[in-house]
Amino acid sequence: MTEQQQREIIRKIVEKDPRYREEAYTFVREGLDYTVHTLKDGKEDESHHVRGWELSKGIRDYAIREFGPVSLRVLRHWGIESSDDFGEIVYNMIEAELLGKTEEDDKQDFHGVFDFEEAFLVPFLPSNPHE
């Protein structure tokens, strides 16, 4: 499937479910690629199916890497407020056949993986030298 075809499918998803911007879908897909690459960590032959909680954490790390201190603002601008939203986006993409899933996968795997504000704000708070 070409990138243009993927963008068209994402546009149709957003028309059907306007909670999230097109950029959110592209970012989640990039976050999946980042997560798979990170989990492989040099292991050429090992294939690893990414679970919802792993993907949520991988997307968090990818967002912090890409957007730094404005990660939370960017994600909220796209309609993403929690790890549950990652699951909604992933399952919209599964329904549109942009992603696949296994029988063990469940949207609940994305539920409450981490506190969103804490995950994106704490890494950028100044450290307290008196602790």
Protein backbone atom coordinates (compact mmCIF):
# COMPACT_ATOMS: atom_id res chain seq x y z
CA MET A 1 0.00 0.00 0.00
CA THR A 2 1.36 3.41 -0.94
CA GLU A 3 1.69 6.32 1.46
CA GLN A 4 -0.99 8.17 -0.54
CA GLN A 5 -3.41 5.25 -0.13
CA GLN A 6 -2.72 5.17 3.60
CA ARG A 7 -3.39 8.91 3.90
CA GLU A 8 -6.69 8.49 2.04
CA ILE A 9 -7.75 5.69 4.38
CA ILE A 10 -6.83 7.83 7.39
CA ARG A 11 -8.90 10.72 5.96
CA LYS A 12 -11.87 8.36 5.76
CA ILE A 13 -11.31 7.19 9.33
CA VAL A 14 -11.29 10.81 10.53
CA GLU A 15 -14.49 11.55 8.62
CA LYS A 16 -16.14 8.59 10.36
CA ASP A 17 -14.58 9.28 13.78
CA PRO A 18 -13.50 12.93 14.13
CA ARG A 19 -12.21 12.62 17.72
CA TYR A 20 -8.61 12.53 16.48
CA ARG A 21 -6.78 14.50 13.84
CA GLU A 22 -5.08 12.84 10.87
CA GLU A 23 -1.70 13.64 12.41
CA ALA A 24 -2.58 11.47 15.42
CA TYR A 25 -2.95 8.40 13.19
CA THR A 26 0.31 9.06 11.40
CA PHE A 27 2.06 9.59 14.71
CA VAL A 28 0.67 6.39 16.25
CA ARG A 29 1.86 4.46 13.19
CA GLU A 30 5.32 6.02 13.54
CA GLY A 31 5.19 5.24 17.26
CA LEU A 32 4.49 1.60 16.44
CA ASP A 33 7.51 1.46 14.13
CA TYR A 34 9.64 3.11 16.84
CA THR A 35 8.38 0.66 19.47
CA VAL A 36 9.03 -2.42 17.33
CA HIS A 37 12.54 -1.17 16.54
CA THR A 38 13.21 -0.44 20.22
CA LEU A 39 11.94 -3.84 21.37
CA LYS A 40 14.01 -5.65 18.74
CA ASP A 41 17.10 -3.82 19.98
CA GLY A 42 19.50 -5.46 17.53
CA LYS A 43 17.92 -8.92 17.57
CA GLU A 44 17.64 -9.54 13.83
CA ASP A 45 15.62 -12.75 13.74
CA GLU A 46 13.35 -12.22 16.71
CA SER A 47 9.85 -11.09 15.85
CA HIS A 48 7.88 -9.56 18.67
CA HIS A 49 4.18 -8.84 18.70
CA VAL A 50 3.60 -5.52 20.44
CA ARG A 51 0.95 -5.53 23.16
CA GLY A 52 -1.19 -2.47 23.86
CA TRP A 53 0.63 -1.49 27.04
CA GLU A 54 4.00 -1.85 25.28
CA LEU A 55 2.81 0.30 22.40
CA SER A 56 1.45 2.95 24.77
CA LYS A 57 4.80 3.20 26.52
CA GLY A 58 6.65 3.19 23.20
CA ILE A 59 4.46 6.00 21.84
CA ARG A 60 5.07 7.94 25.06
CA ASP A 61 8.83 7.57 24.63
CA TYR A 62 8.61 8.45 20.94
CA ALA A 63 6.55 11.58 21.70
CA ILE A 64 9.05 12.75 24.31
CA ARG A 65 11.89 12.11 21.87
CA GLU A 66 10.16 13.95 19.01
CA PHE A 67 8.42 16.83 20.83
CA GLY A 68 10.19 17.15 24.17
CA PRO A 69 8.47 19.44 26.68
CA VAL A 70 5.57 20.22 24.32
CA SER A 71 4.60 16.54 23.86
CA LEU A 72 1.46 16.80 25.99
CA ARG A 73 0.31 19.93 24.16
CA VAL A 74 0.84 18.34 20.74
CA LEU A 75 -0.98 15.12 21.64
CA ARG A 76 -3.91 17.04 23.14
CA HIS A 77 -4.10 19.20 20.02
CA TRP A 78 -4.57 15.98 18.04
CA GLY A 79 -7.31 14.81 20.45
CA ILE A 80 -5.19 12.40 22.48
CA GLU A 81 -5.76 12.70 26.23
CA SER A 82 -4.83 9.23 27.56
CA SER A 83 -3.34 5.87 26.64
CA ASP A 84 -6.94 4.76 25.99
CA ASP A 85 -6.93 7.13 23.01
CA PHE A 86 -3.94 5.26 21.59
CA GLY A 87 -6.11 2.15 21.72
CA GLU A 88 -9.02 3.88 19.98
CA ILE A 89 -6.71 5.04 17.20
CA VAL A 90 -5.09 1.60 16.84
CA TYR A 91 -8.46 -0.15 16.69
CA ASN A 92 -9.77 2.35 14.13
CA MET A 93 -6.71 1.51 12.05
CA ILE A 94 -7.29 -2.23 12.54
CA GLU A 95 -10.89 -1.83 11.42
CA ALA A 96 -9.66 0.00 8.30
CA GLU A 97 -7.11 -2.80 7.72
CA LEU A 98 -4.09 -0.53 8.14
CA LEU A 99 -2.92 -2.64 11.09
CA GLY A 100 -3.41 -6.24 12.09
CA LYS A 101 -4.13 -7.87 15.42
CA THR A 102 -3.97 -11.25 17.09
CA GLU A 103 -6.64 -13.06 19.08
CA GLU A 104 -4.86 -12.05 22.30
CA ASP A 105 -5.11 -8.33 21.50
CA ASP A 106 -7.73 -6.32 23.33
CA LYS A 107 -8.49 -2.62 23.36
CA GLN A 108 -8.42 -2.83 27.17
CA ASP A 109 -4.64 -3.40 26.92
CA PHE A 110 -4.37 0.37 26.36
CA HIS A 111 -6.50 1.33 29.37
CA GLY A 112 -4.80 3.42 32.05
CA VAL A 113 -1.26 2.37 31.16
CA PHE A 114 0.15 5.53 32.73
CA ASP A 115 -0.94 8.91 34.06
CA PHE A 116 -0.80 11.10 30.97
CA GLU A 117 0.13 14.40 32.59
CA GLU A 118 2.75 12.80 34.79
CA ALA A 119 4.26 10.88 31.87
CA PHE A 120 4.72 13.98 29.73
CA LEU A 121 5.41 16.66 32.34
CA VAL A 122 7.59 15.03 35.01
CA PRO A 123 10.55 14.30 32.69
CA PHE A 124 10.88 18.05 32.08
CA LEU A 125 10.50 19.35 35.63
CA PRO A 126 13.67 20.73 37.19
CA SER A 127 15.24 18.34 39.66
CA ASN A 128 15.27 19.37 43.30
CA PRO A 129 18.89 19.58 44.46
CA HIS A 130 17.77 19.28 48.16
CA GLU A 131 16.32 15.77 47.76
